[in-house]
């Protein structure tokens, strides 16, 4: 890619980015770092349920919009390790109403977080990684798919209620009546 050789994990990152979205030359992850690909992979898996839920709570007759943002690297202002995230949000003419983020912090590899605003509401190590870490054999295709779906459902479980709470707080803070 771009005249450079990448492993499967890092090639996925470059291939998934549109021009100008993810700058591989500026944010190359360490070769042994799975955090960016993990955030992107789990984000891809959660995106349908996130988008469906966010669109379902947009108010008819308003200019509420839903957006998905590409994978990005976050460099903490006070130093510390990089985080990689995928974010979805509801916004209108006043700004962002709520955002949902899948995050993988390089220092906590291979743990994945799900945040609503700044609130951590779901967290875990994906089961396919945990199995490898424990030296267990891989599951068959059907069992693996079920295991992955249980993982996604477990980190998403508390999200809808927290999203509704944050939307209500955001709208009341900016003076919406009857929201």
Protein backbone atom coordinates (compact mmCIF):
# COMPACT_ATOMS: atom_id res chain seq x y z
CA UNK A 1 0.00 0.00 0.00
CA UNK A 2 1.38 3.37 -1.01
CA UNK A 3 4.64 1.60 -1.87
CA UNK A 4 4.98 0.16 1.64
CA UNK A 5 4.52 -3.35 2.97
CA UNK A 6 2.03 -3.83 5.81
CA UNK A 7 0.91 -6.84 7.79
CA UNK A 8 -2.77 -7.83 7.59
CA UNK A 9 -3.61 -5.88 10.77
CA UNK A 10 -2.06 -2.59 9.60
CA UNK A 11 -3.13 -2.99 5.97
CA UNK A 12 -6.76 -3.07 7.19
CA UNK A 13 -6.28 0.37 8.71
CA UNK A 14 -4.88 1.91 5.57
CA UNK A 15 -7.45 0.24 3.33
CA UNK A 16 -10.41 1.32 5.48
CA UNK A 17 -9.50 4.99 5.41
CA UNK A 18 -10.72 7.45 2.83
CA UNK A 19 -8.35 10.14 1.63
CA UNK A 20 -7.70 12.65 4.39
CA UNK A 21 -9.34 10.60 7.15
CA UNK A 22 -6.58 8.48 8.63
CA UNK A 23 -3.03 9.60 8.03
CA UNK A 24 -0.89 6.48 8.17
CA UNK A 25 2.31 8.47 7.78
CA UNK A 26 1.53 10.58 10.85
CA UNK A 27 0.03 7.94 13.14
CA UNK A 28 1.65 4.62 12.46
CA UNK A 29 0.89 2.23 15.29
CA UNK A 30 3.67 0.10 16.70
CA UNK A 31 4.05 -3.17 14.83
CA UNK A 32 2.98 -5.22 17.84
CA UNK A 33 0.04 -2.94 18.63
CA UNK A 34 -3.45 -4.21 17.83
CA UNK A 35 -5.34 -1.26 19.39
CA UNK A 36 -6.19 0.59 16.15
CA UNK A 37 -7.35 -2.48 14.29
CA UNK A 38 -9.27 -3.69 17.35
CA UNK A 39 -11.10 -0.36 17.75
CA UNK A 40 -11.90 -0.38 14.03
CA UNK A 41 -13.02 -4.03 13.98
CA UNK A 42 -15.27 -3.75 17.06
CA UNK A 43 -16.56 -0.42 15.71
CA UNK A 44 -17.52 -2.11 12.43
CA UNK A 45 -19.38 -4.80 14.36
CA UNK A 46 -21.27 -2.33 16.60
CA UNK A 47 -22.00 0.28 13.93
CA UNK A 48 -25.35 -1.13 12.70
CA UNK A 49 -26.88 -1.21 16.18
CA UNK A 50 -25.41 2.20 17.10
CA UNK A 51 -26.66 3.89 13.93
CA UNK A 52 -30.10 2.28 14.14
CA UNK A 53 -30.53 3.38 17.75
CA UNK A 54 -29.28 6.93 17.16
CA UNK A 55 -31.57 7.42 14.15
CA UNK A 56 -34.50 6.03 16.17
CA UNK A 57 -34.22 8.82 18.74
CA UNK A 58 -33.83 11.72 16.32
CA UNK A 59 -36.84 14.01 16.58
CA UNK A 60 -39.08 14.24 13.51
CA UNK A 61 -39.38 17.70 12.03
CA UNK A 62 -36.00 18.86 13.33
CA UNK A 63 -32.58 18.99 11.78
CA UNK A 64 -31.23 16.19 14.01
CA UNK A 65 -28.55 14.29 12.10
CA UNK A 66 -26.50 11.18 12.76
CA UNK A 67 -22.87 10.86 11.71
CA UNK A 68 -20.21 8.17 11.86
CA UNK A 69 -16.60 9.20 12.17
CA UNK A 70 -13.66 7.14 10.94
CA UNK A 71 -10.98 5.60 13.10
CA UNK A 72 -8.75 8.25 14.67
CA UNK A 73 -5.83 8.40 17.02
CA UNK A 74 -6.16 10.47 20.19
CA UNK A 75 -3.02 11.88 21.80
CA UNK A 76 -3.85 12.78 25.42
CA UNK A 77 -3.13 16.45 26.14
CA UNK A 78 -1.33 15.68 29.40
CA UNK A 79 0.75 12.91 27.90
CA UNK A 80 0.18 9.22 28.29
CA UNK A 81 -0.55 6.51 25.79
CA UNK A 82 -2.44 6.95 22.56
CA UNK A 83 -6.03 5.83 22.23
CA UNK A 84 -7.76 4.80 19.04
CA UNK A 85 -11.46 5.36 18.61
CA UNK A 86 -14.47 5.16 16.36
CA UNK A 87 -17.29 7.61 17.12
CA UNK A 88 -20.93 8.09 16.13
CA UNK A 89 -23.00 11.10 17.13
CA UNK A 90 -26.31 12.89 16.97
CA UNK A 91 -25.95 16.57 16.25
CA UNK A 92 -28.04 19.55 15.17
CA UNK A 93 -27.47 23.25 14.48
CA UNK A 94 -26.42 23.79 18.12
CA UNK A 95 -23.70 21.13 18.07
CA UNK A 96 -23.22 17.57 19.25
CA UNK A 97 -26.08 16.20 21.34
CA UNK A 98 -24.51 12.83 22.19
CA UNK A 99 -21.60 10.74 21.02
CA UNK A 100 -20.91 7.01 21.25
CA UNK A 101 -17.30 5.85 21.10
CA UNK A 102 -15.52 2.52 20.82
CA UNK A 103 -12.03 3.04 22.22
CA UNK A 104 -8.88 0.96 22.52
CA UNK A 105 -6.09 2.40 24.68
CA UNK A 106 -2.62 1.20 23.70
CA UNK A 107 -1.64 0.70 27.35
CA UNK A 108 -4.60 -1.62 27.99
CA UNK A 109 -4.36 -3.81 24.89
CA UNK A 110 -6.50 -5.85 24.14
CA UNK A 111 -9.29 -4.29 26.23
CA UNK A 112 -12.01 -2.37 24.39
CA UNK A 113 -14.21 0.34 25.94
CA UNK A 114 -17.62 1.65 24.91
CA UNK A 115 -18.29 5.20 26.06
CA UNK A 116 -21.38 7.38 25.91
CA UNK A 117 -20.10 10.92 26.18
CA UNK A 118 -17.34 10.55 28.75
CA UNK A 119 -19.07 7.73 30.62
CA UNK A 120 -17.63 4.24 30.36
CA UNK A 121 -20.60 1.90 30.01
CA UNK A 122 -19.12 -1.25 28.48
CA UNK A 123 -15.71 -2.86 28.57
CA UNK A 124 -14.02 -6.15 27.85
CA UNK A 125 -11.47 -8.27 26.08
CA UNK A 126 -12.89 -9.81 22.91
CA UNK A 127 -13.41 -13.56 23.39
CA UNK A 128 -11.39 -14.61 20.34
CA UNK A 129 -8.37 -12.80 21.80
CA UNK A 130 -8.96 -14.16 25.30
CA UNK A 131 -9.11 -17.71 23.91
CA UNK A 132 -5.75 -17.21 22.16
CA UNK A 133 -4.21 -15.74 25.33
CA UNK A 134 -5.33 -18.80 27.28
CA UNK A 135 -3.95 -21.15 24.65
CA UNK A 136 -7.39 -22.58 23.86
CA UNK A 137 -8.16 -23.95 20.41
CA UNK A 138 -10.25 -21.81 18.07
CA UNK A 139 -14.00 -22.34 18.00
CA UNK A 140 -15.88 -23.52 14.95
CA UNK A 141 -17.38 -20.83 12.74
CA UNK A 142 -20.89 -20.94 14.24
CA UNK A 143 -19.70 -21.01 17.87
CA UNK A 144 -17.20 -18.21 17.15
CA UNK A 145 -19.95 -16.04 15.63
CA UNK A 146 -22.16 -16.65 18.69
CA UNK A 147 -19.27 -15.86 21.05
CA UNK A 148 -18.54 -12.61 19.23
CA UNK A 149 -22.21 -11.58 19.24
CA UNK A 150 -22.42 -12.22 23.00
CA UNK A 151 -19.39 -9.96 23.46
CA UNK A 152 -20.87 -7.14 21.35
CA UNK A 153 -24.23 -7.47 23.12
CA UNK A 154 -22.55 -7.37 26.55
CA UNK A 155 -20.67 -4.13 25.92
CA UNK A 156 -23.74 -2.56 24.21
CA UNK A 157 -26.21 -3.64 26.92
CA UNK A 158 -26.15 -0.44 29.00
CA UNK A 159 -25.71 1.90 26.03
CA UNK A 160 -29.33 2.69 25.06
CA UNK A 161 -30.34 3.86 28.54
CA UNK A 162 -27.20 6.01 28.90
CA UNK A 163 -27.67 7.49 25.41
CA UNK A 164 -31.26 8.47 26.27
CA UNK A 165 -30.13 10.02 29.55
CA UNK A 166 -27.40 12.06 27.87
CA UNK A 167 -29.69 13.18 25.05
CA UNK A 168 -32.27 14.32 27.60
CA UNK A 169 -29.61 16.20 29.58
CA UNK A 170 -28.15 17.79 26.46
CA UNK A 171 -31.50 18.93 25.14
CA UNK A 172 -32.66 20.31 28.49
CA UNK A 173 -29.35 22.14 28.94
CA UNK A 174 -29.83 24.02 25.68
CA UNK A 175 -33.48 24.85 26.29
CA UNK A 176 -35.49 22.34 24.28
CA UNK A 177 -39.03 22.15 25.53
CA UNK A 178 -41.00 18.94 25.31
CA UNK A 179 -38.00 16.80 24.28
